[in-house]
Every structure is written in structure tokens, then in C-alpha cells.
Amino acid sequence: MKTIDLATIEQPVEKLLDLAEHEGILIRLPNGKMFLITSIKDEGESEEDFADEIARTRQNAALMDLLRDRVQEKKRLTSEEMRKRLGLD
């Protein structure tokens, strides 16, 4: 998986999607937020291919570390707090 720091590299979305077609991309924004872009399934692929992709993703140590860290984060929002933030109350 590649990590792209958008603070230093400007890439058109189309180019990022082309990269993600072959290899997952972790995008890090200047504010620290991160996003994972990966291709999941072409119309011609079978369910077995998708299961193989899930298995390979689980073997991605960097992604699994990131997800473990996210689970450990203490800050959580209740649905009520989230509604307020989104202006839905």
C-alpha cells in the first residue's frame, strides 16, 4: 500500500483512482485525517476474488496497525452529539 501526503503532492483524483486500481492508497491530509482508497471488485471478478482481496487486506500490517490505533482512540461521540455537530437536532 502506498501512502500519499497531500500536503506535499497534488494529484488529480483520476490519477489517484488509477493508482488505487492496482494497489491500496492511504491518503494523509495536512490536518492529519487519513483515507484509504482501494479497488474492491470489477464486474468480471467472482466473489472468491473479493474474498481473496479481503484476506490480502488483512495481511497488510500498516493498515491493521492503523485500524488498531483508531479503535484505541478515547474520543467517541454519542449519536446526539453527532446530530448537533451536523446540525440535525
PDB file of N, CA and C in Angstrom:
ATOM      1  N   MET A   1       0.843  -1.167   0.000  1.00  0.00           N
ATOM      2  CA  MET A   1       0.000   0.000   0.000  1.00  0.00           C
ATOM      3  C   MET A   1       0.890   1.232   0.000  1.00  0.00           C
ATOM      4  N   LYS A   2       0.522   2.215  -0.799  1.00  0.00           N
ATOM      5  CA  LYS A   2       1.244   3.474  -0.837  1.00  0.00           C
ATOM      6  C   LYS A   2       0.587   4.460   0.111  1.00  0.00           C
ATOM      7  N   THR A   3       1.386   5.358   0.686  1.00  0.00           N
ATOM      8  CA  THR A   3       0.866   6.468   1.476  1.00  0.00           C
ATOM      9  C   THR A   3       1.200   7.739   0.726  1.00  0.00           C
ATOM     10  N   ILE A   4       0.201   8.578   0.502  1.00  0.00           N
ATOM     11  CA  ILE A   4       0.391   9.835  -0.200  1.00  0.00           C
ATOM     12  C   ILE A   4       0.060  10.966   0.747  1.00  0.00           C
ATOM     13  N   ASP A   5       1.009  11.858   0.949  1.00  0.00           N
ATOM     14  CA  ASP A   5       0.818  13.018   1.812  1.00  0.00           C
ATOM     15  C   ASP A   5       0.365  14.177   0.938  1.00  0.00           C
ATOM     16  N   LEU A   6      -0.889  14.564   1.049  1.00  0.00           N
ATOM     17  CA  LEU A   6      -1.429  15.609   0.179  1.00  0.00           C
ATOM     18  C   LEU A   6      -0.917  16.996   0.527  1.00  0.00           C
ATOM     19  N   ALA A   7      -0.165  17.125   1.610  1.00  0.00           N
ATOM     20  CA  ALA A   7       0.427  18.425   1.933  1.00  0.00           C
ATOM     21  C   ALA A   7       1.577  18.727   0.984  1.00  0.00           C
ATOM     22  N   THR A   8       2.167  17.680   0.421  1.00  0.00           N
ATOM     23  CA  THR A   8       3.334  17.897  -0.427  1.00  0.00           C
ATOM     24  C   THR A   8       3.115  17.492  -1.881  1.00  0.00           C
ATOM     25  N   ILE A   9       2.107  16.682  -2.150  1.00  0.00           N
ATOM     26  CA  ILE A   9       1.888  16.203  -3.510  1.00  0.00           C
ATOM     27  C   ILE A   9       0.450  16.505  -3.920  1.00  0.00           C
ATOM     28  N   GLU A  10       0.288  17.183  -5.037  1.00  0.00           N
ATOM     29  CA  GLU A  10      -1.049  17.416  -5.569  1.00  0.00           C
ATOM     30  C   GLU A  10      -1.279  16.418  -6.691  1.00  0.00           C
ATOM     31  N   GLN A  11      -2.337  15.663  -6.580  1.00  0.00           N
ATOM     32  CA  GLN A  11      -2.650  14.645  -7.566  1.00  0.00           C
ATOM     33  C   GLN A  11      -4.108  14.802  -7.985  1.00  0.00           C
ATOM     34  N   PRO A  12      -4.381  14.734  -9.280  1.00  0.00           N
ATOM     35  CA  PRO A  12      -5.781  14.719  -9.687  1.00  0.00           C
ATOM     36  C   PRO A  12      -6.448  13.439  -9.179  1.00  0.00           C
ATOM     37  N   VAL A  13      -7.707  13.525  -8.865  1.00  0.00           N
ATOM     38  CA  VAL A  13      -8.439  12.368  -8.329  1.00  0.00           C
ATOM     39  C   VAL A  13      -8.351  11.194  -9.299  1.00  0.00           C
ATOM     40  N   GLU A  14      -8.440  11.455 -10.575  1.00  0.00           N
ATOM     41  CA  GLU A  14      -8.396  10.382 -11.561  1.00  0.00           C
ATOM     42  C   GLU A  14      -7.089   9.587 -11.466  1.00  0.00           C
ATOM     43  N   LYS A  15      -5.975  10.280 -11.254  1.00  0.00           N
ATOM     44  CA  LYS A  15      -4.685   9.599 -11.133  1.00  0.00           C
ATOM     45  C   LYS A  15      -4.636   8.760  -9.852  1.00  0.00           C
ATOM     46  N   LEU A  16      -5.202   9.294  -8.758  1.00  0.00           N
ATOM     47  CA  LEU A  16      -5.249   8.530  -7.510  1.00  0.00           C
ATOM     48  C   LEU A  16      -6.071   7.252  -7.688  1.00  0.00           C
ATOM     49  N   LEU A  17      -7.197   7.365  -8.391  1.00  0.00           N
ATOM     50  CA  LEU A  17      -8.029   6.184  -8.624  1.00  0.00           C
ATOM     51  C   LEU A  17      -7.308   5.173  -9.511  1.00  0.00           C
ATOM     52  N   ASP A  18      -6.557   5.658 -10.497  1.00  0.00           N
ATOM     53  CA  ASP A  18      -5.762   4.745 -11.328  1.00  0.00           C
ATOM     54  C   ASP A  18      -4.745   3.992 -10.474  1.00  0.00           C
ATOM     55  N   LEU A  19      -4.085   4.693  -9.553  1.00  0.00           N
ATOM     56  CA  LEU A  19      -3.132   4.041  -8.654  1.00  0.00           C
ATOM     57  C   LEU A  19      -3.831   3.019  -7.763  1.00  0.00           C
ATOM     58  N   ALA A  20      -5.009   3.370  -7.268  1.00  0.00           N
ATOM     59  CA  ALA A  20      -5.749   2.504  -6.344  1.00  0.00           C
ATOM     60  C   ALA A  20      -6.264   1.248  -7.031  1.00  0.00           C
ATOM     61  N   GLU A  21      -6.336   1.273  -8.348  1.00  0.00           N
ATOM     62  CA  GLU A  21      -6.810   0.097  -9.080  1.00  0.00           C
ATOM     63  C   GLU A  21      -5.865  -1.085  -8.890  1.00  0.00           C
ATOM     64  N   HIS A  22      -4.584  -0.812  -8.712  1.00  0.00           N
ATOM     65  CA  HIS A  22      -3.583  -1.876  -8.606  1.00  0.00           C
ATOM     66  C   HIS A  22      -3.060  -2.085  -7.189  1.00  0.00           C
ATOM     67  N   GLU A  23      -3.179  -1.053  -6.354  1.00  0.00           N
ATOM     68  CA  GLU A  23      -2.606  -1.111  -5.008  1.00  0.00           C
ATOM     69  C   GLU A  23      -3.361  -0.125  -4.122  1.00  0.00           C
ATOM     70  N   GLY A  24      -3.689  -0.513  -2.898  1.00  0.00           N
ATOM     71  CA  GLY A  24      -4.374   0.396  -1.988  1.00  0.00           C
ATOM     72  C   GLY A  24      -3.559   1.651  -1.732  1.00  0.00           C
ATOM     73  N   ILE A  25      -4.242   2.764  -1.527  1.00  0.00           N
ATOM     74  CA  ILE A  25      -3.574   4.042  -1.271  1.00  0.00           C
ATOM     75  C   ILE A  25      -4.112   4.607   0.044  1.00  0.00           C
ATOM     76  N   LEU A  26      -3.200   5.001   0.912  1.00  0.00           N
ATOM     77  CA  LEU A  26      -3.551   5.680   2.148  1.00  0.00           C
ATOM     78  C   LEU A  26      -3.248   7.155   1.929  1.00  0.00           C
ATOM     79  N   ILE A  27      -4.278   8.001   2.024  1.00  0.00           N
ATOM     80  CA  ILE A  27      -4.107   9.436   1.798  1.00  0.00           C
ATOM     81  C   ILE A  27      -4.125  10.147   3.142  1.00  0.00           C
ATOM     82  N   ARG A  28      -3.103  10.946   3.370  1.00  0.00           N
ATOM     83  CA  ARG A  28      -2.997  11.704   4.615  1.00  0.00           C
ATOM     84  C   ARG A  28      -3.142  13.183   4.286  1.00  0.00           C
ATOM     85  N   LEU A  29      -4.144  13.840   4.883  1.00  0.00           N
ATOM     86  CA  LEU A  29      -4.372  15.265   4.681  1.00  0.00           C
ATOM     87  C   LEU A  29      -3.503  16.076   5.635  1.00  0.00           C
ATOM     88  N   PRO A  30      -3.292  17.359   5.333  1.00  0.00           N
ATOM     89  CA  PRO A  30      -2.483  18.200   6.218  1.00  0.00           C
ATOM     90  C   PRO A  30      -3.012  18.257   7.655  1.00  0.00           C
ATOM     91  N   ASN A  31      -4.337  18.089   7.838  1.00  0.00           N
ATOM     92  CA  ASN A  31      -4.913  18.140   9.183  1.00  0.00           C
ATOM     93  C   ASN A  31      -4.794  16.802   9.931  1.00  0.00           C
ATOM     94  N   GLY A  32      -4.132  15.819   9.308  1.00  0.00           N
ATOM     95  CA  GLY A  32      -3.918  14.527   9.963  1.00  0.00           C
ATOM     96  C   GLY A  32      -4.944  13.463   9.632  1.00  0.00           C
ATOM     97  N   LYS A  33      -6.062  13.841   9.019  1.00  0.00           N
ATOM     98  CA  LYS A  33      -7.071  12.847   8.657  1.00  0.00           C
ATOM     99  C   LYS A  33      -6.517  11.943   7.561  1.00  0.00           C
ATOM    100  N   MET A  34      -6.919  10.669   7.622  1.00  0.00           N
ATOM    101  CA  MET A  34      -6.437   9.704   6.642  1.00  0.00           C
ATOM    102  C   MET A  34      -7.609   8.963   6.004  1.00  0.00           C
ATOM    103  N   PHE A  35      -7.422   8.624   4.742  1.00  0.00           N
ATOM    104  CA  PHE A  35      -8.439   7.916   3.979  1.00  0.00           C
ATOM    105  C   PHE A  35      -7.773   6.791   3.202  1.00  0.00           C
ATOM    106  N   LEU A  36      -8.461   5.672   3.089  1.00  0.00           N
ATOM    107  CA  LEU A  36      -7.965   4.532   2.333  1.00  0.00           C
ATOM    108  C   LEU A  36      -8.772   4.446   1.042  1.00  0.00           C
ATOM    109  N   ILE A  37      -8.071   4.388  -0.085  1.00  0.00           N
ATOM    110  CA  ILE A  37      -8.724   4.199  -1.375  1.00  0.00           C
ATOM    111  C   ILE A  37      -8.208   2.891  -1.940  1.00  0.00           C
ATOM    112  N   THR A  38      -9.135   2.006  -2.286  1.00  0.00           N
ATOM    113  CA  THR A  38      -8.754   0.734  -2.873  1.00  0.00           C
ATOM    114  C   THR A  38      -9.858   0.252  -3.796  1.00  0.00           C
ATOM    115  N   SER A  39      -9.490  -0.427  -4.832  1.00  0.00           N
ATOM    116  CA  SER A  39     -10.456  -1.016  -5.742  1.00  0.00           C
ATOM    117  C   SER A  39     -11.000  -2.280  -5.088  1.00  0.00           C
ATOM    118  N   ILE A  40     -12.312  -2.478  -5.155  1.00  0.00           N
ATOM    119  CA  ILE A  40     -12.848  -3.657  -4.483  1.00  0.00           C
ATOM    120  C   ILE A  40     -13.258  -4.781  -5.428  1.00  0.00           C
ATOM    121  N   LYS A  41     -13.946  -4.460  -6.512  1.00  0.00           N
ATOM    122  CA  LYS A  41     -14.409  -5.563  -7.351  1.00  0.00           C
ATOM    123  C   LYS A  41     -14.815  -5.048  -8.716  1.00  0.00           C
ATOM    124  N   ASP A  42     -14.262  -5.654  -9.758  1.00  0.00           N
ATOM    125  CA  ASP A  42     -14.716  -5.389 -11.112  1.00  0.00           C
ATOM    126  C   ASP A  42     -15.911  -6.285 -11.396  1.00  0.00           C
ATOM    127  N   GLU A  43     -16.689  -5.921 -12.392  1.00  0.00           N
ATOM    128  CA  GLU A  43     -17.871  -6.721 -12.724  1.00  0.00           C
ATOM    129  C   GLU A  43     -17.500  -8.166 -13.076  1.00  0.00           C
ATOM    130  N   GLY A  44     -16.330  -8.367 -13.684  1.00  0.00           N
ATOM    131  CA  GLY A  44     -15.918  -9.703 -14.102  1.00  0.00           C
ATOM    132  C   GLY A  44     -15.347 -10.554 -12.976  1.00  0.00           C
ATOM    133  N   GLU A  45     -15.090  -9.977 -11.825  1.00  0.00           N
ATOM    134  CA  GLU A  45     -14.500 -10.741 -10.730  1.00  0.00           C
ATOM    135  C   GLU A  45     -15.565 -11.554 -10.003  1.00  0.00           C
ATOM    136  N   SER A  46     -15.125 -12.646  -9.439  1.00  0.00           N
ATOM    137  CA  SER A  46     -16.046 -13.500  -8.695  1.00  0.00           C
ATOM    138  C   SER A  46     -16.007 -13.137  -7.206  1.00  0.00           C
ATOM    139  N   GLU A  47     -16.938 -13.690  -6.471  1.00  0.00           N
ATOM    140  CA  GLU A  47     -16.971 -13.495  -5.018  1.00  0.00           C
ATOM    141  C   GLU A  47     -15.703 -14.059  -4.386  1.00  0.00           C
ATOM    142  N   GLU A  48     -15.153 -15.112  -4.977  1.00  0.00           N
ATOM    143  CA  GLU A  48     -13.926 -15.696  -4.453  1.00  0.00           C
ATOM    144  C   GLU A  48     -12.756 -14.715  -4.572  1.00  0.00           C
ATOM    145  N   ASP A  49     -12.716 -13.956  -5.688  1.00  0.00           N
ATOM    146  CA  ASP A  49     -11.679 -12.941  -5.858  1.00  0.00           C
ATOM    147  C   ASP A  49     -11.797 -11.876  -4.769  1.00  0.00           C
ATOM    148  N   PHE A  50     -13.026 -11.499  -4.454  1.00  0.00           N
ATOM    149  CA  PHE A  50     -13.251 -10.488  -3.422  1.00  0.00           C
ATOM    150  C   PHE A  50     -12.797 -11.022  -2.061  1.00  0.00           C
ATOM    151  N   ALA A  51     -13.077 -12.275  -1.775  1.00  0.00           N
ATOM    152  CA  ALA A  51     -12.638 -12.885  -0.515  1.00  0.00           C
ATOM    153  C   ALA A  51     -11.112 -12.916  -0.443  1.00  0.00           C
ATOM    154  N   ASP A  52     -10.466 -13.187  -1.575  1.00  0.00           N
ATOM    155  CA  ASP A  52      -9.001 -13.164  -1.610  1.00  0.00           C
ATOM    156  C   ASP A  52      -8.475 -11.764  -1.319  1.00  0.00           C
ATOM    157  N   GLU A  53      -9.139 -10.756  -1.861  1.00  0.00           N
ATOM    158  CA  GLU A  53      -8.720  -9.368  -1.625  1.00  0.00           C
ATOM    159  C   GLU A  53      -8.869  -9.010  -0.142  1.00  0.00           C
ATOM    160  N   ILE A  54      -9.929  -9.453   0.486  1.00  0.00           N
ATOM    161  CA  ILE A  54     -10.127  -9.214   1.921  1.00  0.00           C
ATOM    162  C   ILE A  54      -9.004  -9.887   2.707  1.00  0.00           C
ATOM    163  N   ALA A  55      -8.663 -11.101   2.344  1.00  0.00           N
ATOM    164  CA  ALA A  55      -7.583 -11.817   3.040  1.00  0.00           C
ATOM    165  C   ALA A  55      -6.257 -11.073   2.880  1.00  0.00           C
ATOM    166  N   ARG A  56      -5.970 -10.564   1.674  1.00  0.00           N
ATOM    167  CA  ARG A  56      -4.734  -9.805   1.461  1.00  0.00           C
ATOM    168  C   ARG A  56      -4.751  -8.509   2.257  1.00  0.00           C
ATOM    169  N   THR A  57      -5.906  -7.866   2.325  1.00  0.00           N
ATOM    170  CA  THR A  57      -6.015  -6.621   3.087  1.00  0.00           C
ATOM    171  C   THR A  57      -5.727  -6.879   4.562  1.00  0.00           C
ATOM    172  N   ARG A  58      -6.227  -7.972   5.084  1.00  0.00           N
ATOM    173  CA  ARG A  58      -5.990  -8.310   6.490  1.00  0.00           C
ATOM    174  C   ARG A  58      -4.519  -8.578   6.768  1.00  0.00           C
ATOM    175  N   GLN A  59      -3.766  -8.954   5.750  1.00  0.00           N
ATOM    176  CA  GLN A  59      -2.332  -9.203   5.905  1.00  0.00           C
ATOM    177  C   GLN A  59      -1.515  -7.920   5.799  1.00  0.00           C
ATOM    178  N   ASN A  60      -2.167  -6.813   5.494  1.00  0.00           N
ATOM    179  CA  ASN A  60      -1.477  -5.528   5.360  1.00  0.00           C
ATOM    180  C   ASN A  60      -1.216  -4.975   6.762  1.00  0.00           C
ATOM    181  N   ALA A  61       0.015  -5.115   7.219  1.00  0.00           N
ATOM    182  CA  ALA A  61       0.370  -4.747   8.594  1.00  0.00           C
ATOM    183  C   ALA A  61       0.139  -3.264   8.876  1.00  0.00           C
ATOM    184  N   ALA A  62       0.469  -2.391   7.924  1.00  0.00           N
ATOM    185  CA  ALA A  62       0.299  -0.940   8.133  1.00  0.00           C
ATOM    186  C   ALA A  62      -1.172  -0.590   8.322  1.00  0.00           C
ATOM    187  N   LEU A  63      -2.036  -1.181   7.508  1.00  0.00           N
ATOM    188  CA  LEU A  63      -3.469  -0.905   7.630  1.00  0.00           C
ATOM    189  C   LEU A  63      -4.019  -1.461   8.945  1.00  0.00           C
ATOM    190  N   MET A  64      -3.625  -2.659   9.291  1.00  0.00           N
ATOM    191  CA  MET A  64      -4.112  -3.259  10.537  1.00  0.00           C
ATOM    192  C   MET A  64      -3.647  -2.457  11.747  1.00  0.00           C
ATOM    193  N   ASP A  65      -2.409  -1.941  11.718  1.00  0.00           N
ATOM    194  CA  ASP A  65      -1.918  -1.084  12.804  1.00  0.00           C
ATOM    195  C   ASP A  65      -2.747   0.185  12.897  1.00  0.00           C
ATOM    196  N   LEU A  66      -3.037   0.792  11.745  1.00  0.00           N
ATOM    197  CA  LEU A  66      -3.859   2.000  11.716  1.00  0.00           C
ATOM    198  C   LEU A  66      -5.241   1.734  12.320  1.00  0.00           C
ATOM    199  N   LEU A  67      -5.863   0.637  11.923  1.00  0.00           N
ATOM    200  CA  LEU A  67      -7.200   0.316  12.444  1.00  0.00           C
ATOM    201  C   LEU A  67      -7.157   0.027  13.943  1.00  0.00           C
ATOM    202  N   ARG A  68      -6.101  -0.673  14.406  1.00  0.00           N
ATOM    203  CA  ARG A  68      -5.963  -0.925  15.836  1.00  0.00           C
ATOM    204  C   ARG A  68      -5.821   0.375  16.613  1.00  0.00           C
ATOM    205  N   ASP A  69      -5.036   1.302  16.076  1.00  0.00           N
ATOM    206  CA  ASP A  69      -4.868   2.606  16.725  1.00  0.00           C
ATOM    207  C   ASP A  69      -6.189   3.356  16.782  1.00  0.00           C
ATOM    208  N   ARG A  70      -6.947   3.304  15.705  1.00  0.00           N
ATOM    209  CA  ARG A  70      -8.237   4.007  15.666  1.00  0.00           C
ATOM    210  C   ARG A  70      -9.213   3.447  16.702  1.00  0.00           C
ATOM    211  N   VAL A  71      -9.189   2.151  16.882  1.00  0.00           N
ATOM    212  CA  VAL A  71     -10.078   1.517  17.859  1.00  0.00           C
ATOM    213  C   VAL A  71      -9.727   1.978  19.274  1.00  0.00           C
ATOM    214  N   GLN A  72      -8.456   2.237  19.520  1.00  0.00           N
ATOM    215  CA  GLN A  72      -7.995   2.634  20.855  1.00  0.00           C
ATOM    216  C   GLN A  72      -8.276   4.095  21.189  1.00  0.00           C
ATOM    217  N   GLU A  73      -8.644   4.896  20.187  1.00  0.00           N
ATOM    218  CA  GLU A  73      -8.886   6.312  20.444  1.00  0.00           C
ATOM    219  C   GLU A  73      -9.999   6.466  21.487  1.00  0.00           C
ATOM    220  N   LYS A  74      -9.770   7.347  22.435  1.00  0.00           N
ATOM    221  CA  LYS A  74     -10.708   7.527  23.541  1.00  0.00           C
ATOM    222  C   LYS A  74     -11.912   8.392  23.158  1.00  0.00           C
ATOM    223  N   LYS A  75     -11.710   9.354  22.282  1.00  0.00           N
ATOM    224  CA  LYS A  75     -12.768  10.294  21.939  1.00  0.00           C
ATOM    225  C   LYS A  75     -13.852   9.599  21.135  1.00  0.00           C
ATOM    226  N   ARG A  76     -15.028   9.564  21.659  1.00  0.00           N
ATOM    227  CA  ARG A  76     -16.199   8.997  20.990  1.00  0.00           C
ATOM    228  C   ARG A  76     -17.325  10.013  21.070  1.00  0.00           C
ATOM    229  N   LEU A  77     -18.185  10.006  20.100  1.00  0.00           N
ATOM    230  CA  LEU A  77     -19.338  10.896  20.097  1.00  0.00           C
ATOM    231  C   LEU A  77     -20.606  10.065  20.196  1.00  0.00           C
ATOM    232  N   THR A  78     -21.543  10.551  20.989  1.00  0.00           N
ATOM    233  CA  THR A  78     -22.853   9.908  21.022  1.00  0.00           C
ATOM    234  C   THR A  78     -23.607  10.325  19.771  1.00  0.00           C
ATOM    235  N   SER A  79     -24.679   9.609  19.470  1.00  0.00           N
ATOM    236  CA  SER A  79     -25.475   9.983  18.299  1.00  0.00           C
ATOM    237  C   SER A  79     -26.050  11.391  18.473  1.00  0.00           C
ATOM    238  N   GLU A  80     -26.379  11.763  19.708  1.00  0.00           N
ATOM    239  CA  GLU A  80     -26.904  13.106  19.982  1.00  0.00           C
ATOM    240  C   GLU A  80     -25.841  14.176  19.690  1.00  0.00           C
ATOM    241  N   GLU A  81     -24.594  13.923  20.133  1.00  0.00           N
ATOM    242  CA  GLU A  81     -23.504  14.872  19.858  1.00  0.00           C
ATOM    243  C   GLU A  81     -23.251  14.999  18.354  1.00  0.00           C
ATOM    244  N   MET A  82     -23.317  13.893  17.661  1.00  0.00           N
ATOM    245  CA  MET A  82     -23.089  13.916  16.218  1.00  0.00           C
ATOM    246  C   MET A  82     -24.195  14.678  15.498  1.00  0.00           C
ATOM    247  N   ARG A  83     -25.427  14.491  15.925  1.00  0.00           N
ATOM    248  CA  ARG A  83     -26.552  15.239  15.334  1.00  0.00           C
ATOM    249  C   ARG A  83     -26.357  16.728  15.518  1.00  0.00           C
ATOM    250  N   LYS A  84     -25.915  17.141  16.718  1.00  0.00           N
ATOM    251  CA  LYS A  84     -25.652  18.560  16.974  1.00  0.00           C
ATOM    252  C   LYS A  84     -24.565  19.094  16.055  1.00  0.00           C
ATOM    253  N   ARG A  85     -23.486  18.322  15.911  1.00  0.00           N
ATOM    254  CA  ARG A  85     -22.378  18.759  15.047  1.00  0.00           C
ATOM    255  C   ARG A  85     -22.824  18.905  13.602  1.00  0.00           C
ATOM    256  N   LEU A  86     -23.705  18.020  13.188  1.00  0.00           N
ATOM    257  CA  LEU A  86     -24.172  18.043  11.796  1.00  0.00           C
ATOM    258  C   LEU A  86     -25.373  18.993  11.603  1.00  0.00           C
ATOM    259  N   GLY A  87     -25.833  19.580  12.690  1.00  0.00           N
ATOM    260  CA  GLY A  87     -26.977  20.493  12.582  1.00  0.00           C
ATOM    261  C   GLY A  87     -28.287  19.785  12.327  1.00  0.00           C
ATOM    262  N   LEU A  88     -28.411  18.572  12.821  1.00  0.00           N
ATOM    263  CA  LEU A  88     -29.611  17.762  12.589  1.00  0.00           C
ATOM    264  C   LEU A  88     -30.534  17.704  13.811  1.00  0.00           C
ATOM    265  N   ASP A  89     -30.218  18.453  14.850  1.00  0.00           N
ATOM    266  CA  ASP A  89     -31.044  18.362  16.064  1.00  0.00           C
ATOM    267  C   ASP A  89     -32.270  19.219  15.967  1.00  0.00           C
TER     268      ASP A  89
END
